Amino acid sequence: MEKNMRSEPKKINGGFRAKMEHALYSGEKKYVIGGIAVIGVLFGVPWYFMTRGSKQQSHQDYLEKADKARSARLSAGSSSTK
């Protein structure tokens, strides 16, 4: 029996593919956290750039803006037909 009960991490020999398969399928904590970080960055960066500078509108604000545009369009249409 061994004195050291901890399992030693397996040394990965091989090329890029072997290392990638180990990272994808091993389930080691460092690879899981790294994957979550990568996915967070991939979705977070575009979301940040899409939402910066735009004021968040409530549904009521949107409806009021749509009503105003609709009434302006209808009044412009009726005055041009006269």
N, C-alpha and C. Protein backbone atom coordinates (compact mmCIF):
# COMPACT_ATOMS: atom_id res chain seq x y z
N MET A 1 0.84 -1.20 0.00
CA MET A 1 0.00 0.00 0.00
C MET A 1 0.87 1.25 0.00
N GLU A 2 0.37 2.26 -0.68
CA GLU A 2 1.13 3.50 -0.73
C GLU A 2 0.83 4.35 0.49
N LYS A 3 1.81 5.10 0.91
CA LYS A 3 1.60 6.04 2.03
C LYS A 3 0.77 7.23 1.56
N ASN A 4 1.04 7.66 0.35
CA ASN A 4 0.35 8.83 -0.19
C ASN A 4 -0.95 8.37 -0.83
N MET A 5 -2.09 8.71 -0.23
CA MET A 5 -3.38 8.27 -0.73
C MET A 5 -3.92 9.18 -1.84
N ARG A 6 -3.30 10.35 -2.00
CA ARG A 6 -3.74 11.26 -3.06
C ARG A 6 -3.38 10.68 -4.41
N SER A 7 -4.28 10.79 -5.33
CA SER A 7 -3.96 10.32 -6.68
C SER A 7 -3.15 11.42 -7.37
N GLU A 8 -2.09 10.99 -7.96
CA GLU A 8 -1.25 11.94 -8.67
C GLU A 8 -1.90 12.28 -10.01
N PRO A 9 -1.82 13.54 -10.44
CA PRO A 9 -2.39 13.88 -11.74
C PRO A 9 -1.64 13.14 -12.85
N LYS A 10 -2.41 12.69 -13.84
CA LYS A 10 -1.79 11.97 -14.94
C LYS A 10 -1.02 12.96 -15.81
N LYS A 11 0.15 12.54 -16.22
CA LYS A 11 0.94 13.35 -17.14
C LYS A 11 0.40 13.10 -18.54
N ILE A 12 0.11 14.16 -19.26
CA ILE A 12 -0.46 14.03 -20.60
C ILE A 12 0.67 14.13 -21.61
N ASN A 13 0.90 13.03 -22.28
CA ASN A 13 1.87 13.02 -23.36
C ASN A 13 1.11 13.03 -24.67
N GLY A 14 1.66 13.65 -25.65
CA GLY A 14 1.00 13.67 -26.95
C GLY A 14 0.91 15.07 -27.48
N GLY A 15 0.18 15.16 -28.56
CA GLY A 15 0.07 16.43 -29.26
C GLY A 15 -1.08 17.28 -28.77
N PHE A 16 -1.41 18.23 -29.57
CA PHE A 16 -2.46 19.19 -29.24
C PHE A 16 -3.80 18.50 -29.05
N ARG A 17 -4.10 17.54 -29.92
CA ARG A 17 -5.40 16.87 -29.84
C ARG A 17 -5.57 16.11 -28.53
N ALA A 18 -4.53 15.42 -28.11
CA ALA A 18 -4.60 14.66 -26.85
C ALA A 18 -4.80 15.60 -25.67
N LYS A 19 -4.15 16.74 -25.69
CA LYS A 19 -4.29 17.71 -24.59
C LYS A 19 -5.68 18.33 -24.59
N MET A 20 -6.21 18.60 -25.79
CA MET A 20 -7.55 19.17 -25.86
C MET A 20 -8.60 18.16 -25.40
N GLU A 21 -8.46 16.91 -25.81
CA GLU A 21 -9.42 15.90 -25.37
C GLU A 21 -9.36 15.71 -23.86
N HIS A 22 -8.17 15.76 -23.30
CA HIS A 22 -8.05 15.65 -21.84
C HIS A 22 -8.76 16.82 -21.16
N ALA A 23 -8.55 18.04 -21.68
CA ALA A 23 -9.18 19.22 -21.07
C ALA A 23 -10.70 19.16 -21.20
N LEU A 24 -11.20 18.65 -22.33
CA LEU A 24 -12.65 18.62 -22.55
C LEU A 24 -13.35 17.54 -21.74
N TYR A 25 -12.72 16.40 -21.59
CA TYR A 25 -13.43 15.26 -21.01
C TYR A 25 -12.99 14.89 -19.60
N SER A 26 -11.96 15.54 -19.06
CA SER A 26 -11.47 15.12 -17.75
C SER A 26 -12.37 15.59 -16.62
N GLY A 27 -12.98 16.76 -16.75
CA GLY A 27 -13.84 17.29 -15.69
C GLY A 27 -13.06 17.88 -14.53
N GLU A 28 -11.78 18.14 -14.73
CA GLU A 28 -10.99 18.75 -13.66
C GLU A 28 -11.48 20.16 -13.41
N LYS A 29 -11.41 20.55 -12.15
CA LYS A 29 -11.97 21.84 -11.73
C LYS A 29 -11.37 23.00 -12.50
N LYS A 30 -10.07 22.97 -12.73
CA LYS A 30 -9.44 24.11 -13.43
C LYS A 30 -9.95 24.24 -14.86
N TYR A 31 -10.23 23.10 -15.51
CA TYR A 31 -10.74 23.18 -16.88
C TYR A 31 -12.20 23.61 -16.91
N VAL A 32 -12.97 23.18 -15.93
CA VAL A 32 -14.38 23.58 -15.86
C VAL A 32 -14.48 25.08 -15.63
N ILE A 33 -13.71 25.60 -14.67
CA ILE A 33 -13.73 27.05 -14.39
C ILE A 33 -13.23 27.83 -15.60
N GLY A 34 -12.18 27.32 -16.24
CA GLY A 34 -11.67 27.98 -17.44
C GLY A 34 -12.70 28.01 -18.55
N GLY A 35 -13.44 26.91 -18.73
CA GLY A 35 -14.47 26.87 -19.76
C GLY A 35 -15.60 27.83 -19.48
N ILE A 36 -16.00 27.91 -18.22
CA ILE A 36 -17.05 28.87 -17.84
C ILE A 36 -16.59 30.30 -18.10
N ALA A 37 -15.32 30.57 -17.79
CA ALA A 37 -14.78 31.91 -18.03
C ALA A 37 -14.76 32.25 -19.52
N VAL A 38 -14.36 31.30 -20.34
CA VAL A 38 -14.31 31.54 -21.79
C VAL A 38 -15.71 31.80 -22.33
N ILE A 39 -16.67 30.97 -21.93
CA ILE A 39 -18.05 31.16 -22.40
C ILE A 39 -18.61 32.50 -21.90
N GLY A 40 -18.29 32.87 -20.66
CA GLY A 40 -18.73 34.15 -20.13
C GLY A 40 -18.19 35.32 -20.93
N VAL A 41 -16.93 35.24 -21.31
CA VAL A 41 -16.33 36.32 -22.12
C VAL A 41 -16.94 36.34 -23.51
N LEU A 42 -17.14 35.16 -24.11
CA LEU A 42 -17.70 35.11 -25.46
C LEU A 42 -19.09 35.74 -25.53
N PHE A 43 -19.89 35.56 -24.49
CA PHE A 43 -21.23 36.14 -24.50
C PHE A 43 -21.26 37.52 -23.84
N GLY A 44 -20.36 37.77 -22.91
CA GLY A 44 -20.37 39.03 -22.16
C GLY A 44 -19.89 40.22 -22.96
N VAL A 45 -18.85 40.04 -23.75
CA VAL A 45 -18.28 41.16 -24.51
C VAL A 45 -19.29 41.70 -25.53
N PRO A 46 -19.90 40.86 -26.37
CA PRO A 46 -20.90 41.41 -27.30
C PRO A 46 -22.08 42.04 -26.59
N TRP A 47 -22.53 41.42 -25.49
CA TRP A 47 -23.64 41.98 -24.73
C TRP A 47 -23.29 43.37 -24.21
N TYR A 48 -22.07 43.53 -23.70
CA TYR A 48 -21.63 44.83 -23.18
C TYR A 48 -21.66 45.88 -24.29
N PHE A 49 -21.11 45.54 -25.45
CA PHE A 49 -21.06 46.53 -26.53
C PHE A 49 -22.44 46.83 -27.10
N MET A 50 -23.36 45.87 -27.07
CA MET A 50 -24.71 46.13 -27.58
C MET A 50 -25.52 47.00 -26.62
N THR A 51 -25.28 46.87 -25.33
CA THR A 51 -26.13 47.58 -24.38
C THR A 51 -25.55 48.90 -23.91
N ARG A 52 -24.30 49.17 -24.16
CA ARG A 52 -23.76 50.43 -23.66
C ARG A 52 -24.31 51.59 -24.50
N GLY A 53 -24.62 52.66 -23.84
CA GLY A 53 -25.11 53.84 -24.52
C GLY A 53 -26.60 53.82 -24.82
N SER A 54 -27.25 52.69 -24.69
CA SER A 54 -28.68 52.67 -24.96
C SER A 54 -29.43 52.71 -23.64
N LYS A 55 -30.38 53.64 -23.57
CA LYS A 55 -31.17 53.76 -22.35
C LYS A 55 -32.21 52.65 -22.33
N GLN A 56 -32.34 52.00 -21.21
CA GLN A 56 -33.34 50.94 -21.10
C GLN A 56 -34.72 51.57 -21.06
N GLN A 57 -35.63 51.08 -21.87
CA GLN A 57 -36.98 51.61 -21.94
C GLN A 57 -37.95 50.64 -21.28
N SER A 58 -38.93 51.20 -20.63
CA SER A 58 -39.99 50.35 -20.11
C SER A 58 -40.98 50.07 -21.24
N HIS A 59 -41.83 49.12 -21.02
CA HIS A 59 -42.84 48.80 -22.03
C HIS A 59 -43.78 49.98 -22.25
N GLN A 60 -44.09 50.69 -21.18
CA GLN A 60 -44.98 51.85 -21.28
C GLN A 60 -44.33 52.94 -22.13
N ASP A 61 -43.03 53.19 -21.94
CA ASP A 61 -42.33 54.18 -22.76
C ASP A 61 -42.38 53.79 -24.24
N TYR A 62 -42.19 52.50 -24.51
CA TYR A 62 -42.23 52.02 -25.89
C TYR A 62 -43.61 52.24 -26.50
N LEU A 63 -44.67 51.94 -25.74
CA LEU A 63 -46.03 52.13 -26.26
C LEU A 63 -46.33 53.59 -26.53
N GLU A 64 -45.90 54.47 -25.64
CA GLU A 64 -46.13 55.90 -25.85
C GLU A 64 -45.39 56.40 -27.09
N LYS A 65 -44.17 55.95 -27.28
CA LYS A 65 -43.39 56.36 -28.45
C LYS A 65 -44.04 55.84 -29.73
N ALA A 66 -44.55 54.61 -29.70
CA ALA A 66 -45.21 54.04 -30.87
C ALA A 66 -46.50 54.77 -31.18
N ASP A 67 -47.27 55.13 -30.17
CA ASP A 67 -48.51 55.89 -30.38
C ASP A 67 -48.23 57.26 -30.99
N LYS A 68 -47.18 57.90 -30.49
CA LYS A 68 -46.82 59.22 -31.02
C LYS A 68 -46.41 59.11 -32.49
N ALA A 69 -45.62 58.10 -32.83
CA ALA A 69 -45.19 57.92 -34.21
C ALA A 69 -46.38 57.56 -35.10
N ARG A 70 -47.29 56.75 -34.59
CA ARG A 70 -48.46 56.35 -35.37
C ARG A 70 -49.35 57.56 -35.64
N SER A 71 -49.58 58.38 -34.62
CA SER A 71 -50.44 59.55 -34.83
C SER A 71 -49.78 60.56 -35.76
N ALA A 72 -48.46 60.69 -35.69
CA ALA A 72 -47.76 61.61 -36.60
C ALA A 72 -47.86 61.09 -38.03
N ARG A 73 -47.73 59.79 -38.21
CA ARG A 73 -47.81 59.22 -39.54
C ARG A 73 -49.23 59.35 -40.10
N LEU A 74 -50.24 59.14 -39.27
CA LEU A 74 -51.61 59.25 -39.74
C LEU A 74 -51.98 60.68 -40.07
N SER A 75 -51.52 61.63 -39.23
CA SER A 75 -51.84 63.03 -39.52
C SER A 75 -51.11 63.52 -40.75
N ALA A 76 -49.90 63.05 -40.98
CA ALA A 76 -49.17 63.43 -42.20
C ALA A 76 -49.83 62.83 -43.44
N GLY A 77 -50.33 61.63 -43.33
CA GLY A 77 -50.99 60.97 -44.45
C GLY A 77 -52.31 61.63 -44.80
N SER A 78 -53.07 62.07 -43.80
CA SER A 78 -54.36 62.67 -44.09
C SER A 78 -54.22 64.08 -44.65
N SER A 79 -53.18 64.81 -44.26
CA SER A 79 -53.00 66.16 -44.78
C SER A 79 -52.48 66.15 -46.20
N SER A 80 -51.77 65.11 -46.60
CA SER A 80 -51.24 65.07 -47.96
C SER A 80 -52.29 64.64 -48.98
N THR A 81 -53.36 64.01 -48.54
CA THR A 81 -54.40 63.57 -49.48
C THR A 81 -55.40 64.68 -49.76
N LYS A 82 -55.39 65.75 -49.01
CA LYS A 82 -56.36 66.83 -49.21
C LYS A 82 -56.02 67.68 -50.39
